[in-house]
């Protein structure tokens, strides 16, 4: 295996989850009698540039197909985050009707709808037909393609050089990270800026978030690695913020390295120092994560078996990719987990990949009244617990498995 950024073959261990099907490839009723494709889910760290990355076993089109089922707008809290982001960027960088905003991985228009409301010209790049169609229904212009240098050149020639480029939770999703980042340097105006949000690898390790590993996540990112990758591909990091999303994320601000149009914040040096103190420049930081994942898996599986012995019905909420990683690593099937509730109609009536747990509507939760409800997207647990506090009426309790098994009162 060669590092997808620096091409080094000096790779160390990080996480081996065996094999799993693609986490967003939900199984339809008619296909239950057919086999699924399972791929090794092995993640390593480059000992040279410190990029943590999956081994590649399939093309990106396998994971980001036309029927891709992740729609950002089904989380009200995430919509709030997107609206606040647009307001903050407009104020900080003086965006107005003369500006141009391009979002990479625009999904269903969850963010650009707020740009459009402000009368700012915007364009989304989104390769998956299902979500691109939803974005167009909101009146947002979408280019249905994967982003890189070639597409950036075409967009620039068509007048879409950008004042602001947004990339939320996509930097980790690209197999050719050099081509992807170089595309930003190509499309930005000389004074333009790009922001990238992604789960912070430091939190992944310190908070046992191994379930955020799946095939669509090609990279697991620290600022140490990101700064190196950006520098090699025409971008310069000038600021960084932390956000609570997805278990703790970084929002990195970058401009073109050839123009360096923004002052560098002290936040950059501070975050690099924090990562260094945590040990992220040393191999030992990465080598111990396998045992952490196994501890979480074993505790979760023991909990489900204990519930079965006690005659307690266990269901789950949120047919999330991270949930599929947990369930498949633990070998969970419908005998231990009756069903999973999800508010996305595109997922209802299908089955989780691998585990084949049925996905149902929220009404089933109220009619079946399970005693325990596992929140699989633990990053949304506050929102979910508030929305379904009524489970206490029948003695039900919420459960989270990451970073440790907790039955919530």
Protein backbone atom coordinates (compact mmCIF):
# COMPACT_ATOMS: atom_id res chain seq x y z
CA UNK A 1 0.00 0.00 0.00
CA UNK A 2 1.22 3.48 -0.90
CA UNK A 3 0.13 6.68 0.83
CA UNK A 4 -2.42 8.44 -1.36
CA UNK A 5 -0.79 11.81 -0.60
CA UNK A 6 3.01 11.37 -0.47
CA UNK A 7 3.26 7.89 -2.10
CA UNK A 8 5.36 6.52 0.77
CA UNK A 9 5.19 2.79 1.46
CA UNK A 10 6.10 3.35 5.11
CA UNK A 11 2.65 2.58 6.50
CA UNK A 12 1.76 1.66 10.09
CA UNK A 13 -1.31 0.02 11.67
CA UNK A 14 -4.33 1.99 12.88
CA UNK A 15 -7.57 0.00 12.67
CA UNK A 16 -8.69 -3.33 11.22
CA UNK A 17 -12.46 -3.88 11.25
CA UNK A 18 -12.40 -7.05 9.18
CA UNK A 19 -14.81 -6.84 6.26
CA UNK A 20 -18.04 -4.90 5.73
CA UNK A 21 -20.40 -3.87 2.96
CA UNK A 22 -20.49 -0.18 1.96
CA UNK A 23 -22.21 1.61 4.84
CA UNK A 24 -24.71 3.51 2.70
CA UNK A 25 -25.68 0.60 0.43
CA UNK A 26 -29.05 -0.18 1.97
CA UNK A 27 -30.67 -3.47 0.96
CA UNK A 28 -34.11 -3.51 -0.66
CA UNK A 29 -36.72 -6.16 0.14
CA UNK A 30 -36.42 -7.69 -3.33
CA UNK A 31 -32.67 -8.15 -2.88
CA UNK A 32 -32.70 -9.95 0.49
CA UNK A 33 -32.09 -13.26 -1.24
CA UNK A 34 -29.04 -11.93 -3.06
CA UNK A 35 -25.46 -11.73 -1.78
CA UNK A 36 -23.88 -8.44 -0.75
CA UNK A 37 -20.40 -7.28 -1.64
CA UNK A 38 -18.18 -7.01 1.42
CA UNK A 39 -14.81 -5.28 1.30
CA UNK A 40 -11.92 -5.27 3.77
CA UNK A 41 -12.14 -2.26 6.10
CA UNK A 42 -8.50 -1.68 7.02
CA UNK A 43 -7.06 1.72 7.93
CA UNK A 44 -3.38 2.58 8.15
CA UNK A 45 -1.27 5.63 8.95
CA UNK A 46 1.49 6.96 6.73
CA UNK A 47 4.54 7.27 8.95
CA UNK A 48 5.94 9.99 6.69
CA UNK A 49 3.10 12.53 6.28
CA UNK A 50 0.81 11.16 9.06
CA UNK A 51 -2.25 10.85 6.82
CA UNK A 52 -4.54 8.13 8.20
CA UNK A 53 -6.28 6.37 5.31
CA UNK A 54 -8.20 3.32 4.21
CA UNK A 55 -6.83 0.73 1.87
CA UNK A 56 -8.60 0.97 -1.49
CA UNK A 57 -10.59 -2.02 -2.72
CA UNK A 58 -13.28 -0.42 -4.90
CA UNK A 59 -13.88 2.70 -6.98
CA UNK A 60 -15.54 5.80 -5.52
CA UNK A 61 -18.58 5.17 -7.73
CA UNK A 62 -19.23 2.01 -5.69
CA UNK A 63 -19.76 4.08 -2.55
CA UNK A 64 -21.27 7.25 -4.05
CA UNK A 65 -23.86 5.82 -6.41
CA UNK A 66 -26.93 7.43 -7.98
CA UNK A 67 -29.09 6.02 -5.17
CA UNK A 68 -26.90 7.39 -2.35
CA UNK A 69 -29.19 7.60 0.68
CA UNK A 70 -27.58 10.20 2.95
CA UNK A 71 -29.61 13.43 2.92
CA UNK A 72 -28.26 16.22 5.13
CA UNK A 73 -31.57 18.05 5.56
CA UNK A 74 -33.14 15.38 7.77
CA UNK A 75 -31.21 16.73 10.78
CA UNK A 76 -32.73 19.96 12.06
CA UNK A 77 -29.66 20.71 14.15
CA UNK A 78 -27.40 20.31 11.11
CA UNK A 79 -29.61 22.71 9.17
CA UNK A 80 -29.16 25.20 11.99
CA UNK A 81 -25.40 24.72 11.77
CA UNK A 82 -25.48 25.37 8.03
CA UNK A 83 -27.56 28.54 8.38
CA UNK A 84 -25.25 29.87 11.09
CA UNK A 85 -22.22 29.10 8.92
CA UNK A 86 -23.61 31.10 6.00
CA UNK A 87 -24.38 34.07 8.26
CA UNK A 88 -20.89 33.96 9.80
CA UNK A 89 -19.08 33.72 6.46
CA UNK A 90 -21.16 36.52 4.93
CA UNK A 91 -20.31 38.81 7.82
CA UNK A 92 -16.62 37.90 8.17
CA UNK A 93 -15.76 38.00 4.47
CA UNK A 94 -18.24 40.62 3.27
CA UNK A 95 -20.20 38.38 0.91
CA UNK A 96 -22.89 40.19 -1.08
CA UNK A 97 -24.88 40.06 -4.32
CA UNK A 98 -21.64 40.44 -6.32
CA UNK A 99 -20.04 37.39 -4.67
CA UNK A 100 -19.94 33.81 -5.88
CA UNK A 101 -20.16 30.81 -3.56
CA UNK A 102 -19.41 27.24 -4.62
CA UNK A 103 -20.08 24.28 -2.35
CA UNK A 104 -18.37 20.98 -3.01
CA UNK A 105 -20.53 18.00 -2.00
CA UNK A 106 -23.66 20.14 -1.86
CA UNK A 107 -25.80 17.10 -1.05
CA UNK A 108 -29.51 18.05 -1.01
CA UNK A 109 -28.99 21.81 -0.86
CA UNK A 110 -29.03 21.92 2.94
CA UNK A 111 -26.45 24.79 2.98
CA UNK A 112 -26.77 26.60 -0.34
CA UNK A 113 -30.45 27.27 0.29
CA UNK A 114 -29.33 29.83 2.89
CA UNK A 115 -26.83 31.37 0.47
CA UNK A 116 -29.58 31.64 -2.12
CA UNK A 117 -31.89 33.32 0.41
CA UNK A 118 -29.31 36.10 0.78
CA UNK A 119 -29.33 36.79 -2.94
CA UNK A 120 -25.76 35.51 -3.40
CA UNK A 121 -24.98 33.59 -6.58
CA UNK A 122 -24.21 29.99 -5.72
CA UNK A 123 -23.39 26.70 -7.35
CA UNK A 124 -23.25 23.19 -5.93
CA UNK A 125 -21.08 20.29 -7.04
CA UNK A 126 -22.65 16.95 -6.11
CA UNK A 127 -21.94 13.58 -7.78
CA UNK A 128 -24.90 11.58 -6.43
CA UNK A 129 -28.11 11.81 -8.46
CA UNK A 130 -30.46 11.26 -5.52
CA UNK A 131 -29.23 14.24 -3.50
CA UNK A 132 -28.53 16.44 -6.54
CA UNK A 133 -32.16 16.04 -7.58
CA UNK A 134 -33.31 17.13 -4.12
CA UNK A 135 -31.05 20.21 -4.30
CA UNK A 136 -32.40 21.19 -7.70
CA UNK A 137 -35.91 20.97 -6.29
CA UNK A 138 -34.87 23.83 -3.98
CA UNK A 139 -33.91 25.93 -7.00
CA UNK A 140 -30.16 25.41 -6.58
CA UNK A 141 -27.92 24.99 -9.62
CA UNK A 142 -26.00 21.72 -9.37
CA UNK A 143 -23.15 20.27 -11.40
CA UNK A 144 -23.51 16.52 -11.05
CA UNK A 145 -19.89 15.38 -11.03
CA UNK A 146 -16.89 14.57 -8.85
CA UNK A 147 -14.70 17.56 -8.07
CA UNK A 148 -11.03 17.93 -8.97
CA UNK A 149 -8.64 20.04 -11.04
CA UNK A 150 -10.29 19.23 -14.36
CA UNK A 151 -13.77 20.23 -13.22
CA UNK A 152 -12.40 23.30 -11.42
CA UNK A 153 -10.86 24.47 -14.69
CA UNK A 154 -14.15 24.09 -16.54
CA UNK A 155 -16.07 25.95 -13.84
CA UNK A 156 -13.53 28.80 -13.83
CA UNK A 157 -13.81 29.11 -17.62
CA UNK A 158 -17.60 29.33 -17.22
CA UNK A 159 -17.38 32.24 -14.79
CA UNK A 160 -17.57 30.43 -11.48
CA UNK A 161 -14.29 31.53 -9.88
CA UNK A 162 -15.28 31.70 -6.23
CA UNK A 163 -15.09 34.18 -3.37
CA UNK A 164 -16.02 31.35 -0.99
CA UNK A 165 -15.80 27.61 -1.43
CA UNK A 166 -17.39 25.39 1.22
CA UNK A 167 -16.51 21.74 1.76
CA UNK A 168 -18.34 20.21 4.70
CA UNK A 169 -17.54 16.58 5.48
CA UNK A 170 -16.12 15.82 2.06
CA UNK A 171 -12.33 16.18 2.40
CA UNK A 172 -12.30 12.77 4.07
CA UNK A 173 -14.44 11.28 1.28
CA UNK A 174 -12.10 11.67 -1.70
CA UNK A 175 -9.68 8.97 -2.91
CA UNK A 176 -7.39 11.41 -4.76
CA UNK A 177 -6.91 14.05 -2.08
CA UNK A 178 -4.15 15.85 -4.02
CA UNK A 179 -6.31 16.38 -7.11
CA UNK A 180 -9.25 17.42 -4.94
CA UNK A 181 -7.32 20.07 -2.98
CA UNK A 182 -5.62 21.36 -6.12
CA UNK A 183 -9.07 21.98 -7.55
CA UNK A 184 -9.73 24.55 -4.82
CA UNK A 185 -6.51 26.40 -5.64
CA UNK A 186 -7.64 26.46 -9.29
CA UNK A 187 -11.20 27.71 -8.69
CA UNK A 188 -10.67 30.30 -5.95
CA UNK A 189 -10.34 33.96 -6.89
CA UNK A 190 -6.99 35.51 -5.84
CA UNK A 191 -8.60 36.80 -2.63
CA UNK A 192 -11.05 33.91 -2.27
CA UNK A 193 -11.20 31.59 0.72
CA UNK A 194 -12.18 27.98 1.24
CA UNK A 195 -13.44 26.32 4.38
CA UNK A 196 -13.22 22.61 5.10
CA UNK A 197 -15.05 20.89 7.95
CA UNK A 198 -14.14 17.34 8.91
CA UNK A 199 -14.17 15.14 12.03
CA UNK A 200 -10.98 15.66 14.00
CA UNK A 201 -8.80 12.57 14.20
CA UNK A 202 -7.73 13.60 17.70
CA UNK A 203 -11.32 13.21 18.91
CA UNK A 204 -11.77 9.97 17.00
CA UNK A 205 -8.93 8.41 18.97
CA UNK A 206 -9.45 10.04 22.37
CA UNK A 207 -13.23 9.44 22.35
CA UNK A 208 -13.21 5.92 20.86
CA UNK A 209 -15.12 6.97 17.73
CA UNK A 210 -14.01 3.97 15.70
CA UNK A 211 -17.49 3.69 14.15
CA UNK A 212 -16.76 6.76 12.03
CA UNK A 213 -14.54 4.45 9.97
CA UNK A 214 -16.14 3.20 6.79
CA UNK A 215 -15.22 2.80 3.15
CA UNK A 216 -16.55 6.19 2.06
CA UNK A 217 -14.15 7.81 4.54
CA UNK A 218 -10.88 7.48 2.68
CA UNK A 219 -9.00 9.75 5.11
CA UNK A 220 -9.03 10.54 8.86
CA UNK A 221 -7.62 13.98 9.34
CA UNK A 222 -5.45 15.98 11.68
CA UNK A 223 -4.36 19.56 11.10
CA UNK A 224 -0.78 18.26 10.95
CA UNK A 225 -1.62 16.17 7.88
CA UNK A 226 -4.01 18.69 6.33
CA UNK A 227 -1.51 21.55 6.45
CA UNK A 228 1.05 19.40 4.64
CA UNK A 229 -1.45 18.30 1.99
CA UNK A 230 -2.69 21.85 1.40
CA UNK A 231 0.83 23.26 1.15
CA UNK A 232 1.75 20.66 -1.47
CA UNK A 233 -1.34 21.49 -3.56
CA UNK A 234 -1.49 25.26 -3.69
CA UNK A 235 -3.42 26.18 -0.55
CA UNK A 236 -2.34 27.84 2.70
CA UNK A 237 -4.07 27.34 6.06
CA UNK A 238 -4.71 30.70 7.72
CA UNK A 239 -7.20 29.86 10.47
CA UNK A 240 -8.82 26.93 12.24
CA UNK A 241 -11.81 26.56 14.55
CA UNK A 242 -13.34 23.67 16.44
CA UNK A 243 -17.00 22.71 16.22
CA UNK A 244 -18.97 20.08 18.18
CA UNK A 245 -20.34 18.38 15.07
CA UNK A 246 -19.78 14.70 14.30
CA UNK A 247 -18.13 14.12 17.63
CA UNK A 248 -15.87 17.15 17.34
CA UNK A 249 -14.71 18.64 14.05
CA UNK A 250 -12.22 21.15 12.72
CA UNK A 251 -13.18 23.98 10.41
CA UNK A 252 -10.06 24.91 8.46
CA UNK A 253 -9.81 28.19 6.53
CA UNK A 254 -7.50 28.31 3.53
CA UNK A 255 -6.54 30.73 0.80
CA UNK A 256 -4.39 30.44 -2.30
CA UNK A 257 -0.73 29.98 -1.42
CA UNK A 258 0.36 32.16 -4.34
CA UNK A 259 -1.61 35.19 -3.10
CA UNK A 260 -1.67 34.59 0.70
CA UNK A 261 -4.37 37.22 1.01
CA UNK A 262 -5.34 36.68 4.66
CA UNK A 263 -3.40 37.07 7.90
CA UNK A 264 -2.54 33.80 9.65
CA UNK A 265 -4.38 33.37 12.96
CA UNK A 266 -2.63 32.24 16.13
CA UNK A 267 -5.23 29.44 16.18
CA UNK A 268 -3.20 27.52 13.62
CA UNK A 269 -0.05 27.25 15.74
CA UNK A 270 -2.15 26.53 18.83
CA UNK A 271 -3.95 23.59 17.20
CA UNK A 272 -0.72 22.16 15.80
CA UNK A 273 0.77 22.39 19.29
CA UNK A 274 -2.28 20.66 20.80
CA UNK A 275 -1.96 17.78 18.35
CA UNK A 276 1.76 17.51 19.00
CA UNK A 277 1.29 17.40 22.78
CA UNK A 278 -1.36 14.68 22.30
CA UNK A 279 1.28 12.57 20.56
CA UNK A 280 -0.04 12.77 17.00
CA UNK A 281 3.47 12.96 15.53
CA UNK A 282 4.37 9.60 17.16
CA UNK A 283 3.47 6.10 15.98
CA UNK A 284 2.27 5.06 19.44
CA UNK A 285 -0.72 7.40 19.16
CA UNK A 286 -2.06 5.37 16.24
CA UNK A 287 -1.00 1.87 17.22
CA UNK A 288 -3.27 1.56 20.28
CA UNK A 289 -6.61 2.31 18.61
CA UNK A 290 -7.41 -1.30 17.68
CA UNK A 291 -7.78 -2.31 21.33
CA UNK A 292 -10.12 0.64 21.93
CA UNK A 293 -12.43 -0.46 19.12
CA UNK A 294 -12.50 -4.02 20.39
CA UNK A 295 -13.41 -2.84 23.90
CA UNK A 296 -16.39 -0.82 22.60
CA UNK A 297 -17.54 -3.73 20.42
CA UNK A 298 -17.35 -6.26 23.24
CA UNK A 299 -19.24 -4.07 25.70
CA UNK A 300 -21.99 -3.38 23.16
CA UNK A 301 -22.39 -7.03 22.22
CA UNK A 302 -22.52 -8.06 25.89
CA UNK A 303 -25.24 -5.47 26.49
CA UNK A 304 -27.39 -6.81 23.63
CA UNK A 305 -27.00 -10.41 24.81
CA UNK A 306 -27.90 -9.44 28.38
CA UNK A 307 -31.04 -7.68 27.14
CA UNK A 308 -32.03 -10.76 25.15
CA UNK A 309 -31.61 -12.95 28.25
CA UNK A 310 -33.76 -10.53 30.25
CA UNK A 311 -36.49 -10.51 27.59
CA UNK A 312 -35.99 -6.81 26.79
CA UNK A 313 -36.78 -5.68 23.26
CA UNK A 314 -33.98 -3.56 21.78
CA UNK A 315 -34.38 -1.29 18.76
CA UNK A 316 -32.22 1.52 17.36
CA UNK A 317 -32.71 5.03 16.12
CA UNK A 318 -30.90 6.40 13.07
CA UNK A 319 -29.84 4.25 10.10
CA UNK A 320 -26.49 6.00 10.05
CA UNK A 321 -23.28 4.85 8.39
CA UNK A 322 -21.48 4.87 11.75
CA UNK A 323 -24.16 2.56 13.09
CA UNK A 324 -23.53 0.11 10.28
CA UNK A 325 -19.84 0.04 11.13
CA UNK A 326 -20.61 -0.76 14.76
CA UNK A 327 -23.23 -3.42 14.00
CA UNK A 328 -21.15 -5.23 11.39
CA UNK A 329 -17.97 -5.18 13.48
CA UNK A 330 -19.98 -6.64 16.36
CA UNK A 331 -21.77 -9.18 14.15
CA UNK A 332 -25.22 -7.98 15.22
CA UNK A 333 -28.30 -9.40 13.46
CA UNK A 334 -32.09 -8.87 13.89
CA UNK A 335 -32.25 -11.44 16.70
CA UNK A 336 -30.43 -8.93 18.92
CA UNK A 337 -31.71 -5.69 17.36
CA UNK A 338 -35.33 -5.79 16.22
CA UNK A 339 -35.45 -2.75 13.95
CA UNK A 340 -33.98 0.69 13.39
CA UNK A 341 -36.09 3.83 13.07
CA UNK A 342 -35.19 6.52 10.54
CA UNK A 343 -37.10 9.60 9.42
CA UNK A 344 -35.69 9.46 5.87
CA UNK A 345 -38.35 7.92 3.57
CA UNK A 346 -35.59 6.82 1.18
CA UNK A 347 -34.32 4.41 3.84
CA UNK A 348 -37.66 3.22 5.26
CA UNK A 349 -38.68 -0.21 3.99
CA UNK A 350 -35.08 -1.20 3.31
CA UNK A 351 -32.56 -3.07 5.47
CA UNK A 352 -29.20 -2.12 6.95
CA UNK A 353 -26.29 -3.42 4.88
CA UNK A 354 -24.69 -6.49 6.39
CA UNK A 355 -26.80 -6.85 9.52
CA UNK A 356 -30.09 -6.85 7.52
CA UNK A 357 -31.90 -5.08 10.36
CA UNK A 358 -35.16 -3.61 8.96
CA UNK A 359 -35.49 0.18 8.73
CA UNK A 360 -38.91 1.50 9.71
CA UNK A 361 -40.75 4.77 10.24
CA UNK A 362 -40.99 6.59 13.56
CA UNK A 363 -44.54 5.31 14.07
CA UNK A 364 -43.20 1.79 14.64
CA UNK A 365 -41.19 2.99 17.63
CA UNK A 366 -44.40 4.17 19.29
CA UNK A 367 -46.37 1.06 18.45
CA UNK A 368 -43.69 -1.51 19.36
CA UNK A 369 -42.51 0.32 22.52
CA UNK A 370 -39.04 -1.26 22.86
CA UNK A 371 -37.51 -1.12 26.33
CA UNK A 372 -34.12 0.00 24.98
CA UNK A 373 -33.40 2.27 21.99
CA UNK A 374 -29.78 2.46 20.83
CA UNK A 375 -28.93 5.84 19.30
CA UNK A 376 -26.60 4.89 16.46
CA UNK A 377 -25.79 8.49 15.33
CA UNK A 378 -24.54 9.35 18.82
CA UNK A 379 -23.50 12.79 17.57
CA UNK A 380 -27.22 13.66 17.34
CA UNK A 381 -28.22 12.16 20.67
CA UNK A 382 -29.37 15.46 22.23
CA UNK A 383 -31.69 16.16 19.29
CA UNK A 384 -33.04 12.59 19.24
CA UNK A 385 -33.62 12.36 23.00
CA UNK A 386 -35.57 15.61 22.93
CA UNK A 387 -37.70 14.53 19.98
CA UNK A 388 -38.58 11.15 21.48
CA UNK A 389 -38.62 11.81 25.20
CA UNK A 390 -42.01 10.05 25.24
CA UNK A 391 -40.30 6.64 25.31
CA UNK A 392 -40.11 7.08 29.07
CA UNK A 393 -43.91 6.74 29.09
CA UNK A 394 -43.55 2.99 28.54
CA UNK A 395 -40.36 2.63 30.54
CA UNK A 396 -38.06 2.85 27.55
CA UNK A 397 -34.49 4.12 27.85
CA UNK A 398 -31.99 5.41 25.32
CA UNK A 399 -28.58 3.78 24.98
CA UNK A 400 -25.31 4.92 23.41
CA UNK A 401 -22.34 2.63 22.79
CA UNK A 402 -19.62 5.21 21.97
CA UNK A 403 -17.30 6.17 23.62
CA UNK A 404 -18.60 3.74 26.23
CA UNK A 405 -21.84 1.85 26.86
CA UNK A 406 -24.33 4.12 28.63
CA UNK A 407 -27.99 3.45 29.42
CA UNK A 408 -29.42 6.93 29.80
CA UNK A 409 -31.83 7.60 32.67
